Amino acid sequence: MPLAHGDHGRGDHGHGDHGREDDAHADDDGYEELFADHFWGLVRLAALLGADDAEDVVQDAFVRLHRKRRTLRDQGAALAYLRSSVCNASRSRLRHLRMARRRHAQLAPPGTAGSAEHDVVHGEDVRALLAAVAALPARQREVLVLRYWLDLTERETAETLGIAVGTVKAHGARAIAALGRRLKDEEDA
C-alpha cells in the first residue's frame, strides 16, 4: 500500500527516503495491476494465436506499453493496446516460424514426426480442434480466439485487430463454417 505524504511507515518521522517511494507509486498509473491481472491471459492468447514464445511476446508488449503509457490518448485503452500488440507480434512470429520451418524442412530428413510425449499429452478431440484452428487463415483464427476464447465483443475484437465490425462478423462466420466442415470430415473419415 502506498504511503501517503506524512505517513513515514517505520517511524522515521521526516527522515528517510519516502518521497521517492511516493513518486514511484504515483507514477504507476495502474501498470503493475494491469500486469498482474492480465499477463497470463495474454500469454494464453499469444499461445492460441500460435506464438512459440508466448511469454516473450507478452513481455515485449508490456515493455512497449510502459514506454508509451504517457502518450496514450486514453489511459483506459491500455488493455486494448496490449491485446493488439500481442496479436501483431504473434502474427509476426508465425511468419518468422513459417520461414524457419521451410528452411528446416529443406534440411530435415523426410518422415520426421513430433515427439511421442506430445501425442500422449493431447487428446484426439483437442488435437483435431487445434489442428483445425491452426489451418484457418490468420485473421479468421485471430477473430475466433478473441471472440470466443477471450469473450470480446465484436467491437472490441475489431478495435484490437484494427478492422471493421462487419469484417469481424464475416471472418467469424467463415471460420466457424470451416471448422465445422473440417471436424465433420475428420469424424466421417
Protein backbone atom coordinates (compact mmCIF):
# COMPACT_ATOMS: atom_id res chain seq x y z
CA MET A 1 0.00 0.00 0.00
CA PRO A 2 1.48 3.39 -0.95
CA LEU A 3 2.46 5.71 1.84
CA ALA A 4 0.62 8.99 1.98
CA HIS A 5 2.60 12.17 2.49
CA GLY A 6 3.26 12.48 6.19
CA ASP A 7 2.98 8.71 6.81
CA HIS A 8 6.55 7.58 7.18
CA GLY A 9 5.97 3.94 7.89
CA ARG A 10 8.71 2.63 10.19
CA GLY A 11 8.51 5.65 12.48
CA ASP A 12 11.05 7.70 10.53
CA HIS A 13 9.10 10.89 11.22
CA GLY A 14 10.58 13.02 8.49
CA HIS A 15 13.79 11.09 7.96
CA GLY A 16 14.49 8.68 5.16
CA ASP A 17 13.62 8.36 1.54
CA HIS A 18 9.82 8.07 1.45
CA GLY A 19 9.44 10.79 -1.20
CA ARG A 20 10.90 8.60 -3.94
CA GLU A 21 8.56 5.76 -2.94
CA ASP A 22 5.54 8.08 -3.15
CA ASP A 23 6.64 9.25 -6.59
CA ALA A 24 7.04 5.66 -7.78
CA HIS A 25 3.52 4.79 -6.69
CA ALA A 26 2.06 7.96 -8.15
CA ASP A 27 3.91 7.18 -11.38
CA ASP A 28 2.48 3.65 -11.57
CA ASP A 29 -0.79 4.56 -13.38
CA GLY A 30 -2.13 1.05 -12.66
CA TYR A 31 0.61 -0.56 -14.76
CA GLU A 32 1.53 -3.16 -12.12
CA GLU A 33 -2.12 -4.04 -11.56
CA LEU A 34 -2.68 -4.36 -15.32
CA PHE A 35 0.34 -6.68 -15.50
CA ALA A 36 -0.82 -8.80 -12.55
CA ASP A 37 -4.40 -9.07 -13.81
CA HIS A 38 -3.74 -9.76 -17.48
CA PHE A 39 -0.25 -11.17 -18.07
CA TRP A 40 -1.16 -14.88 -18.06
CA GLY A 41 -4.36 -14.35 -20.03
CA LEU A 42 -2.35 -12.53 -22.70
CA VAL A 43 0.22 -15.35 -22.68
CA ARG A 44 -2.60 -17.82 -23.38
CA LEU A 45 -3.85 -15.52 -26.15
CA ALA A 46 -0.40 -15.45 -27.78
CA ALA A 47 -0.09 -19.23 -27.47
CA LEU A 48 -3.53 -19.78 -29.01
CA LEU A 49 -2.58 -17.50 -31.87
CA GLY A 50 0.45 -19.72 -32.48
CA ALA A 51 3.37 -17.83 -30.91
CA ASP A 52 6.04 -20.31 -29.89
CA ASP A 53 7.44 -17.84 -27.35
CA ALA A 54 4.17 -16.53 -25.91
CA GLU A 55 5.65 -15.19 -22.66
CA ASP A 56 8.29 -13.22 -24.54
CA VAL A 57 5.65 -11.79 -26.87
CA VAL A 58 3.59 -10.56 -23.91
CA GLN A 59 6.59 -9.21 -22.02
CA ASP A 60 7.56 -7.23 -25.10
CA ALA A 61 4.01 -5.87 -25.36
CA PHE A 62 4.15 -4.70 -21.74
CA VAL A 63 7.54 -3.07 -22.34
CA ARG A 64 6.13 -1.20 -25.37
CA LEU A 65 3.10 -0.13 -23.31
CA HIS A 66 5.32 1.05 -20.48
CA ARG A 67 7.30 3.21 -22.89
CA LYS A 68 4.14 4.66 -24.45
CA ARG A 69 1.84 4.82 -21.44
CA ARG A 70 2.15 8.59 -21.03
CA THR A 71 1.39 9.19 -24.71
CA LEU A 72 -1.77 7.04 -24.84
CA ARG A 73 -4.70 9.33 -25.57
CA ASP A 74 -6.99 7.12 -23.49
CA GLN A 75 -5.34 5.52 -20.46
CA GLY A 76 -8.31 3.13 -20.31
CA ALA A 77 -7.21 1.73 -23.67
CA ALA A 78 -4.08 0.09 -22.25
CA LEU A 79 -5.58 -3.42 -22.28
CA ALA A 80 -6.77 -3.00 -25.87
CA TYR A 81 -3.29 -1.76 -26.79
CA LEU A 82 -1.76 -4.85 -25.17
CA ARG A 83 -4.15 -7.22 -26.96
CA SER A 84 -3.42 -5.55 -30.27
CA SER A 85 0.34 -5.72 -29.64
CA VAL A 86 0.10 -9.42 -28.75
CA CYS A 87 -1.93 -10.16 -31.91
CA ASN A 88 0.51 -8.27 -34.12
CA ALA A 89 3.60 -9.83 -32.52
CA SER A 90 2.08 -13.32 -32.71
CA ARG A 91 1.36 -12.78 -36.39
CA SER A 92 4.97 -11.68 -36.93
CA ARG A 93 6.28 -14.70 -35.01
CA LEU A 94 4.16 -17.03 -37.15
CA ARG A 95 5.59 -15.51 -40.33
CA HIS A 96 9.08 -15.95 -38.92
CA LEU A 97 8.36 -19.55 -37.88
CA ARG A 98 6.97 -20.44 -41.32
CA MET A 99 10.16 -19.17 -42.91
CA ALA A 100 12.31 -21.05 -40.38
CA ARG A 101 10.30 -24.26 -40.87
CA ARG A 102 10.67 -24.02 -44.63
CA ARG A 103 14.41 -23.71 -44.23
CA HIS A 104 14.45 -26.57 -41.71
CA ALA A 105 12.25 -28.78 -43.93
CA GLN A 106 14.79 -28.44 -46.68
CA LEU A 107 17.44 -29.78 -44.29
CA ALA A 108 15.39 -32.33 -42.27
CA PRO A 109 15.14 -35.95 -43.32
CA PRO A 110 11.72 -36.96 -44.71
CA GLY A 111 9.24 -38.52 -42.31
CA THR A 112 10.39 -36.63 -39.21
CA ALA A 113 7.46 -36.65 -36.76
CA GLY A 114 6.53 -34.94 -33.49
CA SER A 115 7.54 -36.45 -30.15
CA ALA A 116 5.59 -39.34 -28.63
CA GLU A 117 5.20 -37.32 -25.40
CA HIS A 118 3.39 -34.61 -27.32
CA ASP A 119 0.96 -37.14 -28.83
CA VAL A 120 0.22 -38.66 -25.43
CA VAL A 121 -0.44 -35.30 -23.77
CA HIS A 122 -3.04 -34.13 -26.27
CA GLY A 123 -6.35 -35.94 -26.59
CA GLU A 124 -7.67 -36.79 -30.04
CA ASP A 125 -10.54 -34.25 -29.91
CA VAL A 126 -8.36 -31.41 -28.68
CA ARG A 127 -5.71 -32.21 -31.26
CA ALA A 128 -8.28 -32.23 -34.05
CA LEU A 129 -9.73 -28.89 -32.93
CA LEU A 130 -6.34 -27.24 -32.55
CA ALA A 131 -5.29 -28.53 -35.96
CA ALA A 132 -8.48 -27.19 -37.48
CA VAL A 133 -7.97 -23.80 -35.84
CA ALA A 134 -4.31 -23.72 -36.91
CA ALA A 135 -5.35 -24.44 -40.51
CA LEU A 136 -7.55 -21.34 -40.61
CA PRO A 137 -6.24 -18.19 -42.26
CA ALA A 138 -4.54 -15.96 -39.66
CA ARG A 139 -7.26 -13.31 -39.49
CA GLN A 140 -10.03 -15.90 -39.02
CA ARG A 141 -8.01 -17.60 -36.28
CA GLU A 142 -7.44 -14.26 -34.54
CA VAL A 143 -11.13 -13.39 -34.67
CA LEU A 144 -12.12 -16.78 -33.21
CA VAL A 145 -9.61 -16.60 -30.40
CA LEU A 146 -10.51 -13.03 -29.45
CA ARG A 147 -14.28 -13.55 -29.73
CA TYR A 148 -14.69 -16.99 -28.20
CA TRP A 149 -11.68 -17.54 -26.00
CA LEU A 150 -11.25 -14.00 -24.68
CA ASP A 151 -15.00 -13.40 -25.00
CA LEU A 152 -14.51 -9.95 -26.50
CA THR A 153 -17.41 -8.24 -28.20
CA GLU A 154 -17.36 -7.79 -31.95
CA ARG A 155 -16.50 -4.12 -31.42
CA GLU A 156 -13.60 -4.93 -29.03
CA THR A 157 -12.32 -7.55 -31.47
CA ALA A 158 -12.50 -5.04 -34.32
CA GLU A 159 -10.61 -2.44 -32.28
CA THR A 160 -7.95 -4.96 -31.25
CA LEU A 161 -7.34 -6.09 -34.82
CA GLY A 162 -7.83 -2.67 -36.42
CA ILE A 163 -10.63 -3.86 -38.72
CA ALA A 164 -14.34 -3.07 -39.15
CA VAL A 165 -17.03 -4.80 -37.08
CA GLY A 166 -18.54 -6.21 -40.29
CA THR A 167 -15.19 -7.73 -41.16
CA VAL A 168 -15.07 -9.38 -37.71
CA LYS A 169 -18.53 -10.87 -38.35
CA ALA A 170 -17.55 -12.13 -41.79
CA HIS A 171 -14.26 -13.69 -40.61
CA GLY A 172 -16.02 -15.26 -37.62
CA ALA A 173 -18.76 -16.81 -39.74
CA ARG A 174 -16.26 -18.16 -42.28
CA ALA A 175 -14.03 -19.57 -39.54
CA ILE A 176 -16.88 -21.35 -37.77
CA ALA A 177 -18.14 -22.81 -41.05
CA ALA A 178 -14.63 -24.01 -41.98
CA LEU A 179 -14.10 -25.57 -38.55
CA GLY A 180 -17.45 -27.35 -38.76
CA ARG A 181 -16.65 -28.78 -42.21
CA ARG A 182 -13.16 -29.90 -41.24
CA LEU A 183 -14.22 -31.54 -37.97
CA LYS A 184 -17.16 -33.28 -39.69
CA ASP A 185 -14.86 -34.55 -42.45
CA GLU A 186 -12.44 -35.96 -39.87
CA GLU A 187 -15.32 -37.54 -37.95
CA ASP A 188 -16.63 -39.20 -41.12
CA ALA A 189 -13.17 -40.47 -42.08
